[in-house]
Amino acid sequence: MTVKFVLAVLCMAAVTYFTRVFGYLVLHDRKLSLTVQKLMEASPGCVLISVVAPYFATTNPADPAGLAVAVLAAAKLNFGRVGFLSDIEPEDWEKGLEEVLDTDYCRRTTALAWQLTRYGHVVGKGFAVNDVVLSRAAMARLVCADIFVNNELMGSVRADGFLLSTPIGSSGYSVGAGGPLLSPEIRGVAFVPICPFLNTIPPMVFPCATIFRFELKPGTTESYLTVDGQEGQLMQTHDILEVQSIADAVLFKGRGISFLERLRTRSFILADPVRHRENTQS
């Protein structure tokens, strides 16, 4: 055990107790709201100090920004135009946060695990909550790929791209590309070809644990792999993309609103199509 190690431990202990004393001096005569009390119980001080606090001491502005996004996503706040997954509106954030902290119930849904292999070497892998998309770049040419499902050849398909979507991700790109809208309770994955040549293959739904493999063929255009709508990864001819759906891999705390209520409030289902048409035309 070195002197530096001992000093580091002593300094960490001193900072921890100083933080507790400082917190007592600041908050001992203040009454915390019920929401703040539950939030502190859910996130103990040791977690705040060791995990959250370092993000505020960093010089990289992306770190606190990423932390803020993660907190908002965890709270399921709706700041978007559709907000299909969100349960809490900005004006009701305190009430919604109390409800989330009050329950131990968690909803489970499907995720996707992906891996990109190039000449026998893994060059990328990860997980997706919404979708994994293989698509062409700016050039108006088609992506050519051999598609295998559980090691069985589905076919050699030419299209603008291919999309695999989880149930909770099916309300985004999948629906826009003509794919099915899946209930979050379904343990499955949607396979959606994007503008296939001569409409040779339809959208399909497969059960969880299905393994998809896309092998890019010679002559394919410049292609990109995009995961959950984030920055794309350039792919090359002969690259192999494998995607597997995993049941119950993602947990959302709280019961939330029903699937049909989400569809109605996000305008996926129009309660009165005639009135909606009149309002859009006026």
Protein backbone atom coordinates (compact mmCIF):
# COMPACT_ATOMS: atom_id res chain seq x y z
CA MET A 1 0.00 0.00 0.00
CA THR A 2 1.61 3.25 -1.16
CA VAL A 3 1.54 6.65 0.50
CA LYS A 4 -0.39 8.12 -2.46
CA PHE A 5 -3.06 5.48 -2.07
CA VAL A 6 -3.50 6.22 1.64
CA LEU A 7 -3.66 9.95 0.97
CA ALA A 8 -6.25 9.43 -1.75
CA VAL A 9 -8.47 7.39 0.60
CA LEU A 10 -8.15 9.99 3.37
CA CYS A 11 -8.98 12.82 0.97
CA MET A 12 -12.04 10.99 -0.32
CA ALA A 13 -13.23 10.36 3.24
CA ALA A 14 -12.66 14.02 4.16
CA VAL A 15 -14.60 15.24 1.11
CA THR A 16 -17.46 12.83 1.88
CA TYR A 17 -17.88 13.99 5.48
CA PHE A 18 -17.37 17.65 4.54
CA THR A 19 -20.20 17.28 2.04
CA ARG A 20 -22.47 15.78 4.69
CA VAL A 21 -21.67 18.55 7.18
CA PHE A 22 -22.15 21.24 4.54
CA GLY A 23 -25.47 19.70 3.48
CA TYR A 24 -26.68 19.65 7.09
CA LEU A 25 -25.73 23.29 7.65
CA VAL A 26 -27.52 24.35 4.48
CA LEU A 27 -30.66 22.19 4.71
CA HIS A 28 -31.24 21.47 8.41
CA ASP A 29 -33.71 24.36 8.81
CA ARG A 30 -35.40 23.91 5.45
CA LYS A 31 -38.38 21.69 4.76
CA LEU A 32 -37.93 19.60 1.63
CA SER A 33 -40.87 18.82 -0.58
CA LEU A 34 -42.11 15.24 -0.81
CA THR A 35 -40.76 14.98 -4.36
CA VAL A 36 -37.26 16.04 -3.34
CA GLN A 37 -37.28 13.65 -0.38
CA LYS A 38 -38.21 10.71 -2.58
CA LEU A 39 -35.64 11.74 -5.17
CA MET A 40 -32.93 11.81 -2.50
CA GLU A 41 -34.03 8.39 -1.26
CA ALA A 42 -33.89 7.00 -4.80
CA SER A 43 -30.43 8.56 -5.41
CA PRO A 44 -28.31 8.25 -2.24
CA GLY A 45 -25.62 10.82 -1.51
CA CYS A 46 -22.82 8.39 -2.33
CA VAL A 47 -24.28 7.98 -5.83
CA LEU A 48 -24.61 11.72 -6.34
CA ILE A 49 -21.02 12.32 -5.20
CA SER A 50 -19.32 9.47 -7.04
CA VAL A 51 -21.40 9.34 -10.24
CA VAL A 52 -23.28 12.59 -10.83
CA ALA A 53 -21.02 15.23 -9.27
CA PRO A 54 -17.95 14.55 -11.48
CA TYR A 55 -19.98 15.55 -14.54
CA PHE A 56 -20.29 19.09 -13.16
CA ALA A 57 -16.53 19.33 -12.58
CA THR A 58 -15.57 18.32 -16.10
CA THR A 59 -14.32 20.79 -18.70
CA ASN A 60 -16.13 18.95 -21.47
CA PRO A 61 -19.56 20.58 -21.99
CA ALA A 62 -20.87 17.37 -23.57
CA ASP A 63 -20.72 15.55 -20.21
CA PRO A 64 -23.25 17.67 -18.27
CA ALA A 65 -25.37 17.95 -21.41
CA GLY A 66 -25.45 14.18 -21.72
CA LEU A 67 -26.30 13.85 -18.04
CA ALA A 68 -29.23 16.24 -18.44
CA VAL A 69 -30.56 14.26 -21.42
CA ALA A 70 -30.26 11.02 -19.47
CA VAL A 71 -32.16 12.48 -16.50
CA LEU A 72 -34.96 13.79 -18.72
CA ALA A 73 -35.20 10.45 -20.53
CA ALA A 74 -35.31 8.56 -17.23
CA ALA A 75 -38.13 10.80 -16.05
CA LYS A 76 -39.97 10.25 -19.36
CA LEU A 77 -40.65 13.93 -19.88
CA ASN A 78 -42.25 14.95 -23.15
CA PHE A 79 -40.33 17.81 -24.77
CA GLY A 80 -40.71 16.58 -28.36
CA ARG A 81 -43.32 17.06 -31.01
CA VAL A 82 -44.69 13.52 -30.70
CA GLY A 83 -43.16 12.12 -27.50
CA PHE A 84 -44.62 8.66 -28.05
CA LEU A 85 -42.68 7.05 -25.17
CA SER A 86 -43.16 9.87 -22.69
CA ASP A 87 -45.77 9.90 -19.95
CA ILE A 88 -45.06 13.27 -18.29
CA GLU A 89 -45.84 16.63 -19.82
CA PRO A 90 -43.48 19.52 -18.88
CA GLU A 91 -46.16 21.38 -16.92
CA ASP A 92 -46.93 18.24 -14.85
CA TRP A 93 -43.34 17.18 -14.19
CA GLU A 94 -43.56 17.31 -10.37
CA LYS A 95 -46.72 15.23 -10.12
CA GLY A 96 -45.42 12.79 -12.71
CA LEU A 97 -42.09 12.41 -10.93
CA GLU A 98 -43.90 11.68 -7.64
CA GLU A 99 -45.93 8.94 -9.33
CA VAL A 100 -42.80 7.36 -10.81
CA LEU A 101 -41.01 7.38 -7.45
CA ASP A 102 -44.08 5.99 -5.65
CA THR A 103 -44.26 2.74 -7.63
CA ASP A 104 -42.00 -0.27 -8.02
CA TYR A 105 -43.79 -1.46 -11.15
CA CYS A 106 -41.67 -1.67 -14.30
CA ARG A 107 -42.78 -2.25 -17.87
CA ARG A 108 -40.53 -4.49 -19.92
CA THR A 109 -39.98 -4.36 -23.65
CA THR A 110 -37.73 -5.63 -26.41
CA ALA A 111 -34.28 -4.35 -27.40
CA LEU A 112 -31.89 -5.12 -30.25
CA ALA A 113 -28.28 -6.27 -30.03
CA TRP A 114 -26.18 -5.57 -33.13
CA GLN A 115 -22.68 -6.43 -34.33
CA LEU A 116 -20.79 -5.28 -37.42
CA THR A 117 -18.05 -7.58 -38.75
CA ARG A 118 -15.50 -6.68 -41.44
CA TYR A 119 -13.25 -9.40 -42.88
CA GLY A 120 -13.61 -11.50 -39.75
CA HIS A 121 -12.99 -8.66 -37.28
CA VAL A 122 -15.68 -7.03 -35.16
CA VAL A 123 -15.57 -3.28 -35.86
CA GLY A 124 -18.61 -2.26 -33.87
CA LYS A 125 -21.37 -3.59 -31.63
CA GLY A 126 -23.98 -2.32 -29.23
CA PHE A 127 -27.66 -2.19 -28.36
CA ALA A 128 -30.69 -0.32 -29.67
CA VAL A 129 -33.94 0.59 -27.95
CA ASN A 130 -35.77 1.80 -31.06
CA ASP A 131 -34.30 0.61 -34.34
CA VAL A 132 -31.27 -0.44 -36.37
CA VAL A 133 -31.21 0.93 -39.92
CA LEU A 134 -29.03 -0.05 -42.87
CA SER A 135 -29.51 2.58 -45.57
CA ARG A 136 -27.91 4.08 -48.63
CA ALA A 137 -26.01 7.35 -48.54
CA ALA A 138 -26.72 10.42 -50.67
CA MET A 139 -26.14 8.67 -54.00
CA ALA A 140 -29.39 7.49 -55.62
CA ARG A 141 -28.40 3.84 -55.88
CA LEU A 142 -29.64 0.76 -54.08
CA VAL A 143 -28.27 -1.27 -51.22
CA CYS A 144 -27.74 -4.88 -52.30
CA ALA A 145 -27.63 -7.48 -49.55
CA ASP A 146 -28.12 -11.16 -48.87
CA ILE A 147 -30.48 -11.43 -45.91
CA PHE A 148 -30.45 -14.44 -43.59
CA VAL A 149 -32.95 -15.16 -40.82
CA ASN A 150 -31.72 -17.68 -38.25
CA ASN A 151 -29.08 -18.77 -40.80
CA GLU A 152 -31.72 -19.41 -43.47
CA LEU A 153 -31.46 -17.32 -46.63
CA MET A 154 -34.44 -15.00 -46.99
CA GLY A 155 -33.18 -13.69 -50.32
CA SER A 156 -30.93 -11.27 -52.15
CA VAL A 157 -32.72 -7.96 -51.94
CA ARG A 158 -32.13 -4.53 -53.48
CA ALA A 159 -33.67 -1.56 -51.68
CA ASP A 160 -33.00 1.93 -50.35
CA GLY A 161 -32.30 0.20 -47.06
CA PHE A 162 -33.51 -2.17 -44.38
CA LEU A 163 -34.89 -1.45 -40.92
CA LEU A 164 -35.29 -3.58 -37.83
CA SER A 165 -37.51 -2.04 -35.17
CA THR A 166 -38.54 -2.88 -31.62
CA PRO A 167 -42.20 -2.47 -30.62
CA ILE A 168 -41.57 0.87 -28.90
CA GLY A 169 -39.52 2.06 -31.89
CA SER A 170 -42.15 1.05 -34.43
CA SER A 171 -43.98 4.39 -34.09
CA GLY A 172 -41.04 6.24 -35.69
CA TYR A 173 -39.12 5.43 -38.84
CA SER A 174 -40.82 2.04 -39.15
CA VAL A 175 -44.30 3.50 -39.63
CA GLY A 176 -42.93 6.18 -41.96
CA ALA A 177 -41.36 3.48 -44.14
CA GLY A 178 -44.63 1.55 -44.36
CA GLY A 179 -43.94 -0.87 -41.53
CA PRO A 180 -46.33 -2.14 -38.86
CA LEU A 181 -47.15 -0.37 -35.61
CA LEU A 182 -46.50 -2.84 -32.76
CA SER A 183 -47.92 -2.84 -29.27
CA PRO A 184 -45.13 -2.47 -26.66
CA GLU A 185 -46.26 -5.71 -24.99
CA ILE A 186 -45.40 -7.75 -28.09
CA ARG A 187 -42.20 -9.76 -27.83
CA GLY A 188 -41.10 -9.35 -31.39
CA VAL A 189 -39.26 -7.28 -33.96
CA ALA A 190 -40.41 -5.64 -37.19
CA PHE A 191 -38.42 -6.17 -40.38
CA VAL A 192 -39.12 -3.33 -42.82
CA PRO A 193 -37.51 -3.03 -46.27
CA ILE A 194 -37.23 0.61 -47.33
CA CYS A 195 -38.51 1.07 -50.91
CA PRO A 196 -37.51 -2.41 -52.13
CA PHE A 197 -36.91 -2.76 -55.88
CA LEU A 198 -40.15 -3.89 -57.59
CA ASN A 199 -41.70 -4.40 -54.12
CA THR A 200 -40.15 -7.86 -53.98
CA ILE A 201 -40.39 -8.23 -50.19
CA PRO A 202 -43.04 -7.02 -47.70
CA PRO A 203 -42.65 -5.82 -44.10
CA MET A 204 -42.77 -8.70 -41.60
CA VAL A 205 -42.88 -9.33 -37.85
CA PHE A 206 -40.62 -11.96 -36.26
CA PRO A 207 -40.51 -13.37 -32.72
CA CYS A 208 -37.86 -12.43 -30.17
CA ALA A 209 -34.47 -14.17 -30.30
CA THR A 210 -34.61 -14.09 -34.11
CA ILE A 211 -31.15 -13.45 -35.58
CA PHE A 212 -30.88 -11.38 -38.75
CA ARG A 213 -27.74 -11.25 -40.89
CA PHE A 214 -27.15 -8.76 -43.70
CA GLU A 215 -24.20 -9.37 -46.03
CA LEU A 216 -23.45 -6.47 -48.37
CA LYS A 217 -22.87 -7.65 -51.91
CA PRO A 218 -20.47 -6.23 -54.53
CA GLY A 219 -22.03 -3.38 -56.47
CA THR A 220 -23.93 -1.98 -53.50
CA THR A 221 -23.87 1.78 -53.03
CA GLU A 222 -22.22 3.57 -50.11
CA SER A 223 -24.19 2.49 -47.07
CA TYR A 224 -24.58 3.57 -43.47
CA LEU A 225 -25.53 1.81 -40.27
CA THR A 226 -27.62 4.00 -37.98
CA VAL A 227 -28.63 2.95 -34.46
CA ASP A 228 -31.51 4.72 -32.70
CA GLY A 229 -31.27 7.67 -35.09
CA GLN A 230 -27.75 8.60 -33.97
CA GLU A 231 -24.63 9.24 -36.06
CA GLY A 232 -24.22 6.70 -38.86
CA GLN A 233 -21.34 4.30 -39.33
CA LEU A 234 -20.01 3.84 -42.87
CA MET A 235 -20.22 0.28 -44.16
CA GLN A 236 -18.23 -1.46 -46.89
CA THR A 237 -18.84 -4.24 -49.38
CA HIS A 238 -18.68 -7.70 -47.76
CA ASP A 239 -19.47 -6.24 -44.31
CA ILE A 240 -21.72 -8.44 -42.21
CA LEU A 241 -24.34 -6.93 -39.91
CA GLU A 242 -25.97 -9.23 -37.36
CA VAL A 243 -28.96 -8.12 -35.29
CA GLN A 244 -30.75 -10.11 -32.61
CA SER A 245 -33.88 -9.13 -30.72
CA ILE A 246 -33.84 -9.59 -26.93
CA ALA A 247 -37.05 -9.90 -24.93
CA ASP A 248 -37.61 -7.87 -21.73
CA ALA A 249 -34.27 -6.09 -22.08
CA VAL A 250 -35.54 -2.55 -21.45
CA LEU A 251 -37.42 -1.43 -18.34
CA PHE A 252 -39.63 1.65 -17.98
CA LYS A 253 -40.63 2.50 -14.42
CA GLY A 254 -44.30 3.17 -13.82
CA ARG A 255 -47.45 1.90 -15.47
CA GLY A 256 -47.90 4.89 -17.75
CA ILE A 257 -50.87 5.44 -20.03
CA SER A 258 -52.33 2.72 -22.20
CA PHE A 259 -51.07 1.97 -25.70
CA LEU A 260 -54.32 3.14 -27.33
CA GLU A 261 -54.31 6.34 -25.26
CA ARG A 262 -50.80 7.04 -26.53
CA LEU A 263 -52.00 6.55 -30.10
CA ARG A 264 -54.91 8.95 -29.60
CA THR A 265 -52.95 11.68 -27.82
CA ARG A 266 -50.09 11.50 -30.35
CA SER A 267 -52.47 11.68 -33.34
CA PHE A 268 -51.75 8.15 -34.57
CA ILE A 269 -55.50 7.54 -34.22
CA LEU A 270 -57.97 10.33 -34.98
CA ALA A 271 -61.04 10.23 -32.76
CA ASP A 272 -62.92 12.47 -35.21
CA PRO A 273 -61.28 12.38 -38.67
CA VAL A 274 -63.90 14.69 -40.22
CA ARG A 275 -63.34 17.44 -37.65
CA HIS A 276 -59.58 17.00 -37.94
CA ARG A 277 -59.80 17.42 -41.72
CA GLU A 278 -61.92 20.54 -41.34
CA ASN A 279 -59.47 22.05 -38.83
CA THR A 280 -56.45 21.40 -41.06
CA GLN A 281 -58.21 22.92 -44.08
CA SER A 282 -59.43 26.06 -42.30
